[in-house]
């Protein structure tokens, strides 16, 4: 991730841009600025972001982790 210097609105930590997520992501609390859920599995609700996206109708290709 590339350094950006932006402060996280949730914890005040440093945000870095994640090319995978396409969003600013906090290095401390993993908050994704401007997103509710992400393909990486993060979700503001604390649930499984990938599953929440699928349930919302998104088509997500399976990935090898």
PDB file of N, CA and C in Angstrom:
ATOM      1  N   UNK A   1       0.838  -1.187   0.000  1.00  0.00           N
ATOM      2  CA  UNK A   1       0.000   0.000   0.000  1.00  0.00           C
ATOM      3  C   UNK A   1       0.878   1.245   0.000  1.00  0.00           C
ATOM      4  N   UNK A   2       0.427   2.241  -0.698  1.00  0.00           N
ATOM      5  CA  UNK A   2       1.170   3.490  -0.776  1.00  0.00           C
ATOM      6  C   UNK A   2       0.769   4.420   0.364  1.00  0.00           C
ATOM      7  N   UNK A   3       1.739   5.088   0.954  1.00  0.00           N
ATOM      8  CA  UNK A   3       1.474   6.021   2.056  1.00  0.00           C
ATOM      9  C   UNK A   3       0.689   7.221   1.561  1.00  0.00           C
ATOM     10  N   UNK A   4      -0.258   7.683   2.347  1.00  0.00           N
ATOM     11  CA  UNK A   4      -1.070   8.834   1.991  1.00  0.00           C
ATOM     12  C   UNK A   4      -1.057   9.902   3.078  1.00  0.00           C
ATOM     13  N   UNK A   5      -0.882   9.529   4.348  1.00  0.00           N
ATOM     14  CA  UNK A   5      -0.834  10.502   5.414  1.00  0.00           C
ATOM     15  C   UNK A   5      -2.182  10.930   5.967  1.00  0.00           C
ATOM     16  N   UNK A   6      -3.284  10.449   5.395  1.00  0.00           N
ATOM     17  CA  UNK A   6      -4.628  10.773   5.863  1.00  0.00           C
ATOM     18  C   UNK A   6      -4.874  10.089   7.204  1.00  0.00           C
ATOM     19  N   UNK A   7      -5.628  10.731   8.087  1.00  0.00           N
ATOM     20  CA  UNK A   7      -5.952  10.164   9.396  1.00  0.00           C
ATOM     21  C   UNK A   7      -7.286   9.428   9.349  1.00  0.00           C
ATOM     22  N   UNK A   8      -7.347   8.298  10.030  1.00  0.00           N
ATOM     23  CA  UNK A   8      -8.551   7.472  10.082  1.00  0.00           C
ATOM     24  C   UNK A   8      -9.638   8.180  10.896  1.00  0.00           C
ATOM     25  N   UNK A   9     -10.868   8.248  10.359  1.00  0.00           N
ATOM     26  CA  UNK A   9     -11.946   8.879  11.114  1.00  0.00           C
ATOM     27  C   UNK A   9     -12.423   8.043  12.301  1.00  0.00           C
ATOM     28  N   UNK A  10     -12.100   6.752  12.327  1.00  0.00           N
ATOM     29  CA  UNK A  10     -12.531   5.867  13.418  1.00  0.00           C
ATOM     30  C   UNK A  10     -11.573   5.894  14.606  1.00  0.00           C
ATOM     31  N   UNK A  11     -10.252   5.766  14.327  1.00  0.00           N
ATOM     32  CA  UNK A  11      -9.291   5.640  15.436  1.00  0.00           C
ATOM     33  C   UNK A  11      -8.184   6.686  15.425  1.00  0.00           C
ATOM     34  N   UNK A  12      -8.094   7.485  14.350  1.00  0.00           N
ATOM     35  CA  UNK A  12      -7.039   8.491  14.250  1.00  0.00           C
ATOM     36  C   UNK A  12      -5.737   7.950  13.710  1.00  0.00           C
ATOM     37  N   UNK A  13      -5.707   6.653  13.375  1.00  0.00           N
ATOM     38  CA  UNK A  13      -4.504   6.037  12.822  1.00  0.00           C
ATOM     39  C   UNK A  13      -4.237   6.504  11.400  1.00  0.00           C
ATOM     40  N   UNK A  14      -3.139   6.054  10.846  1.00  0.00           N
ATOM     41  CA  UNK A  14      -2.745   6.451   9.494  1.00  0.00           C
ATOM     42  C   UNK A  14      -3.461   5.607   8.447  1.00  0.00           C
ATOM     43  N   UNK A  15      -3.951   6.268   7.405  1.00  0.00           N
ATOM     44  CA  UNK A  15      -4.616   5.586   6.297  1.00  0.00           C
ATOM     45  C   UNK A  15      -3.617   5.407   5.161  1.00  0.00           C
ATOM     46  N   UNK A  16      -3.690   4.269   4.488  1.00  0.00           N
ATOM     47  CA  UNK A  16      -2.889   4.004   3.305  1.00  0.00           C
ATOM     48  C   UNK A  16      -3.826   3.528   2.210  1.00  0.00           C
ATOM     49  N   UNK A  17      -3.522   3.897   0.958  1.00  0.00           N
ATOM     50  CA  UNK A  17      -4.363   3.461  -0.148  1.00  0.00           C
ATOM     51  C   UNK A  17      -4.030   2.021  -0.513  1.00  0.00           C
ATOM     52  N   UNK A  18      -5.061   1.175  -0.551  1.00  0.00           N
ATOM     53  CA  UNK A  18      -4.910  -0.222  -0.956  1.00  0.00           C
ATOM     54  C   UNK A  18      -5.386  -0.356  -2.396  1.00  0.00           C
ATOM     55  N   UNK A  19      -4.499  -0.764  -3.279  1.00  0.00           N
ATOM     56  CA  UNK A  19      -4.896  -0.968  -4.677  1.00  0.00           C
ATOM     57  C   UNK A  19      -5.846  -2.150  -4.793  1.00  0.00           C
ATOM     58  N   UNK A  20      -5.693  -3.148  -3.944  1.00  0.00           N
ATOM     59  CA  UNK A  20      -6.587  -4.312  -3.980  1.00  0.00           C
ATOM     60  C   UNK A  20      -8.006  -3.906  -3.619  1.00  0.00           C
ATOM     61  N   UNK A  21      -8.147  -3.120  -2.562  1.00  0.00           N
ATOM     62  CA  UNK A  21      -9.467  -2.708  -2.087  1.00  0.00           C
ATOM     63  C   UNK A  21      -9.996  -1.490  -2.847  1.00  0.00           C
ATOM     64  N   UNK A  22      -9.107  -0.705  -3.407  1.00  0.00           N
ATOM     65  CA  UNK A  22      -9.518   0.510  -4.100  1.00  0.00           C
ATOM     66  C   UNK A  22      -9.994   1.586  -3.140  1.00  0.00           C
ATOM     67  N   UNK A  23      -9.458   1.565  -1.918  1.00  0.00           N
ATOM     68  CA  UNK A  23      -9.899   2.512  -0.886  1.00  0.00           C
ATOM     69  C   UNK A  23      -8.756   2.798   0.076  1.00  0.00           C
ATOM     70  N   UNK A  24      -8.903   3.877   0.834  1.00  0.00           N
ATOM     71  CA  UNK A  24      -7.987   4.179   1.923  1.00  0.00           C
ATOM     72  C   UNK A  24      -8.300   3.216   3.064  1.00  0.00           C
ATOM     73  N   UNK A  25      -7.271   2.537   3.596  1.00  0.00           N
ATOM     74  CA  UNK A  25      -7.449   1.547   4.653  1.00  0.00           C
ATOM     75  C   UNK A  25      -6.553   1.923   5.839  1.00  0.00           C
ATOM     76  N   UNK A  26      -7.110   1.903   7.044  1.00  0.00           N
ATOM     77  CA  UNK A  26      -6.356   2.251   8.247  1.00  0.00           C
ATOM     78  C   UNK A  26      -5.400   1.113   8.613  1.00  0.00           C
ATOM     79  N   UNK A  27      -4.156   1.461   8.882  1.00  0.00           N
ATOM     80  CA  UNK A  27      -3.170   0.446   9.258  1.00  0.00           C
ATOM     81  C   UNK A  27      -3.386  -0.044  10.689  1.00  0.00           C
ATOM     82  N   UNK A  28      -4.139   0.702  11.512  1.00  0.00           N
ATOM     83  CA  UNK A  28      -4.390   0.299  12.895  1.00  0.00           C
ATOM     84  C   UNK A  28      -5.651  -0.536  13.051  1.00  0.00           C
ATOM     85  N   UNK A  29      -6.785  -0.007  12.560  1.00  0.00           N
ATOM     86  CA  UNK A  29      -8.068  -0.669  12.824  1.00  0.00           C
ATOM     87  C   UNK A  29      -8.694  -1.303  11.586  1.00  0.00           C
ATOM     88  N   UNK A  30      -8.058  -1.175  10.421  1.00  0.00           N
ATOM     89  CA  UNK A  30      -8.502  -1.770   9.163  1.00  0.00           C
ATOM     90  C   UNK A  30      -9.761  -1.112   8.599  1.00  0.00           C
ATOM     91  N   UNK A  31     -10.183   0.037   9.135  1.00  0.00           N
ATOM     92  CA  UNK A  31     -11.338   0.752   8.591  1.00  0.00           C
ATOM     93  C   UNK A  31     -11.069   1.101   7.136  1.00  0.00           C
ATOM     94  N   UNK A  32     -12.070   0.876   6.269  1.00  0.00           N
ATOM     95  CA  UNK A  32     -11.990   1.203   4.852  1.00  0.00           C
ATOM     96  C   UNK A  32     -12.794   2.485   4.627  1.00  0.00           C
ATOM     97  N   UNK A  33     -12.101   3.590   4.360  1.00  0.00           N
ATOM     98  CA  UNK A  33     -12.757   4.886   4.218  1.00  0.00           C
ATOM     99  C   UNK A  33     -13.706   4.875   3.020  1.00  0.00           C
ATOM    100  N   UNK A  34     -14.975   5.212   3.283  1.00  0.00           N
ATOM    101  CA  UNK A  34     -15.973   5.316   2.227  1.00  0.00           C
ATOM    102  C   UNK A  34     -16.646   4.012   1.833  1.00  0.00           C
ATOM    103  N   UNK A  35     -16.298   2.902   2.489  1.00  0.00           N
ATOM    104  CA  UNK A  35     -16.908   1.613   2.166  1.00  0.00           C
ATOM    105  C   UNK A  35     -17.664   1.055   3.368  1.00  0.00           C
ATOM    106  N   UNK A  36     -18.653   0.242   3.091  1.00  0.00           N
ATOM    107  CA  UNK A  36     -19.365  -0.498   4.144  1.00  0.00           C
ATOM    108  C   UNK A  36     -18.881  -1.938   4.199  1.00  0.00           C
ATOM    109  N   UNK A  37     -18.438  -2.451   3.051  1.00  0.00           N
ATOM    110  CA  UNK A  37     -17.913  -3.819   2.953  1.00  0.00           C
ATOM    111  C   UNK A  37     -16.959  -3.868   1.771  1.00  0.00           C
ATOM    112  N   UNK A  38     -16.087  -4.867   1.755  1.00  0.00           N
ATOM    113  CA  UNK A  38     -15.042  -4.925   0.736  1.00  0.00           C
ATOM    114  C   UNK A  38     -14.817  -6.355   0.259  1.00  0.00           C
ATOM    115  N   UNK A  39     -14.311  -6.471  -0.947  1.00  0.00           N
ATOM    116  CA  UNK A  39     -13.984  -7.779  -1.522  1.00  0.00           C
ATOM    117  C   UNK A  39     -12.922  -8.519  -0.716  1.00  0.00           C
ATOM    118  N   UNK A  40     -12.110  -7.805   0.044  1.00  0.00           N
ATOM    119  CA  UNK A  40     -11.061  -8.446   0.842  1.00  0.00           C
ATOM    120  C   UNK A  40     -11.631  -9.188   2.049  1.00  0.00           C
ATOM    121  N   UNK A  41     -12.925  -8.969   2.346  1.00  0.00           N
ATOM    122  CA  UNK A  41     -13.565  -9.628   3.481  1.00  0.00           C
ATOM    123  C   UNK A  41     -13.897  -8.695   4.628  1.00  0.00           C
ATOM    124  N   UNK A  42     -13.366  -7.472   4.594  1.00  0.00           N
ATOM    125  CA  UNK A  42     -13.659  -6.499   5.652  1.00  0.00           C
ATOM    126  C   UNK A  42     -15.093  -6.028   5.535  1.00  0.00           C
ATOM    127  N   UNK A  43     -15.725  -5.772   6.676  1.00  0.00           N
ATOM    128  CA  UNK A  43     -17.063  -5.207   6.711  1.00  0.00           C
ATOM    129  C   UNK A  43     -17.183  -4.294   7.921  1.00  0.00           C
ATOM    130  N   UNK A  44     -17.822  -3.160   7.736  1.00  0.00           N
ATOM    131  CA  UNK A  44     -18.017  -2.231   8.848  1.00  0.00           C
ATOM    132  C   UNK A  44     -18.854  -2.868   9.962  1.00  0.00           C
ATOM    133  N   UNK A  45     -19.715  -3.822   9.598  1.00  0.00           N
ATOM    134  CA  UNK A  45     -20.562  -4.504  10.581  1.00  0.00           C
ATOM    135  C   UNK A  45     -19.792  -5.538  11.396  1.00  0.00           C
ATOM    136  N   UNK A  46     -18.576  -5.866  10.940  1.00  0.00           N
ATOM    137  CA  UNK A  46     -17.789  -6.898  11.615  1.00  0.00           C
ATOM    138  C   UNK A  46     -18.016  -8.280  11.043  1.00  0.00           C
ATOM    139  N   UNK A  47     -18.926  -8.375  10.083  1.00  0.00           N
ATOM    140  CA  UNK A  47     -19.210  -9.659   9.440  1.00  0.00           C
ATOM    141  C   UNK A  47     -18.244  -9.954   8.307  1.00  0.00           C
ATOM    142  N   UNK A  48     -18.629 -10.880   7.452  1.00  0.00           N
ATOM    143  CA  UNK A  48     -17.827 -11.273   6.288  1.00  0.00           C
ATOM    144  C   UNK A  48     -18.215 -10.381   5.113  1.00  0.00           C
ATOM    145  N   UNK A  49     -17.354  -9.439   4.771  1.00  0.00           N
ATOM    146  CA  UNK A  49     -17.641  -8.488   3.705  1.00  0.00           C
ATOM    147  C   UNK A  49     -17.890  -9.128   2.357  1.00  0.00           C
ATOM    148  N   UNK A  50     -17.115 -10.171   2.030  1.00  0.00           N
ATOM    149  CA  UNK A  50     -17.327 -10.868   0.752  1.00  0.00           C
ATOM    150  C   UNK A  50     -18.712 -11.492   0.708  1.00  0.00           C
ATOM    151  N   UNK A  51     -19.116 -12.153   1.785  1.00  0.00           N
ATOM    152  CA  UNK A  51     -20.426 -12.793   1.826  1.00  0.00           C
ATOM    153  C   UNK A  51     -21.538 -11.751   1.774  1.00  0.00           C
ATOM    154  N   UNK A  52     -21.347 -10.637   2.454  1.00  0.00           N
ATOM    155  CA  UNK A  52     -22.348  -9.565   2.424  1.00  0.00           C
ATOM    156  C   UNK A  52     -22.515  -9.017   1.009  1.00  0.00           C
ATOM    157  N   UNK A  53     -21.406  -8.884   0.268  1.00  0.00           N
ATOM    158  CA  UNK A  53     -21.493  -8.424  -1.111  1.00  0.00           C
ATOM    159  C   UNK A  53     -22.238  -9.428  -1.983  1.00  0.00           C
ATOM    160  N   UNK A  54     -21.961 -10.710  -1.795  1.00  0.00           N
ATOM    161  CA  UNK A  54     -22.660 -11.756  -2.550  1.00  0.00           C
ATOM    162  C   UNK A  54     -24.153 -11.703  -2.259  1.00  0.00           C
ATOM    163  N   UNK A  55     -24.506 -11.573  -0.975  1.00  0.00           N
ATOM    164  CA  UNK A  55     -25.916 -11.494  -0.582  1.00  0.00           C
ATOM    165  C   UNK A  55     -26.606 -10.250  -1.148  1.00  0.00           C
ATOM    166  N   UNK A  56     -25.830  -9.193  -1.415  1.00  0.00           N
ATOM    167  CA  UNK A  56     -26.378  -7.966  -1.985  1.00  0.00           C
ATOM    168  C   UNK A  56     -26.471  -8.046  -3.509  1.00  0.00           C
ATOM    169  N   UNK A  57     -26.053  -9.193  -4.086  1.00  0.00           N
ATOM    170  CA  UNK A  57     -26.184  -9.389  -5.517  1.00  0.00           C
ATOM    171  C   UNK A  57     -24.918  -9.219  -6.328  1.00  0.00           C
ATOM    172  N   UNK A  58     -23.795  -8.947  -5.666  1.00  0.00           N
ATOM    173  CA  UNK A  58     -22.524  -8.821  -6.379  1.00  0.00           C
ATOM    174  C   UNK A  58     -22.063 -10.189  -6.880  1.00  0.00           C
ATOM    175  N   UNK A  59     -21.472 -10.211  -8.067  1.00  0.00           N
ATOM    176  CA  UNK A  59     -20.861 -11.431  -8.592  1.00  0.00           C
ATOM    177  C   UNK A  59     -19.375 -11.348  -8.285  1.00  0.00           C
ATOM    178  N   UNK A  60     -18.896 -12.264  -7.465  1.00  0.00           N
ATOM    179  CA  UNK A  60     -17.500 -12.255  -7.051  1.00  0.00           C
ATOM    180  C   UNK A  60     -16.852 -13.552  -7.513  1.00  0.00           C
ATOM    181  N   UNK A  61     -15.763 -13.416  -8.237  1.00  0.00           N
ATOM    182  CA  UNK A  61     -15.023 -14.577  -8.716  1.00  0.00           C
ATOM    183  C   UNK A  61     -14.299 -15.218  -7.530  1.00  0.00           C
ATOM    184  N   UNK A  62     -14.273 -16.545  -7.471  1.00  0.00           N
ATOM    185  CA  UNK A  62     -13.524 -17.219  -6.391  1.00  0.00           C
ATOM    186  C   UNK A  62     -12.032 -16.898  -6.517  1.00  0.00           C
ATOM    187  N   UNK A  63     -11.380 -16.788  -5.375  1.00  0.00           N
ATOM    188  CA  UNK A  63      -9.949 -16.488  -5.344  1.00  0.00           C
ATOM    189  C   UNK A  63      -9.219 -17.506  -4.514  1.00  0.00           C
ATOM    190  N   UNK A  64      -7.959 -17.674  -4.830  1.00  0.00           N
ATOM    191  CA  UNK A  64      -7.107 -18.534  -4.008  1.00  0.00           C
ATOM    192  C   UNK A  64      -6.439 -17.670  -2.957  1.00  0.00           C
ATOM    193  N   UNK A  65      -6.632 -18.036  -1.694  1.00  0.00           N
ATOM    194  CA  UNK A  65      -5.996 -17.298  -0.595  1.00  0.00           C
ATOM    195  C   UNK A  65      -4.985 -18.180   0.055  1.00  0.00           C
TER     196      UNK A  65
END
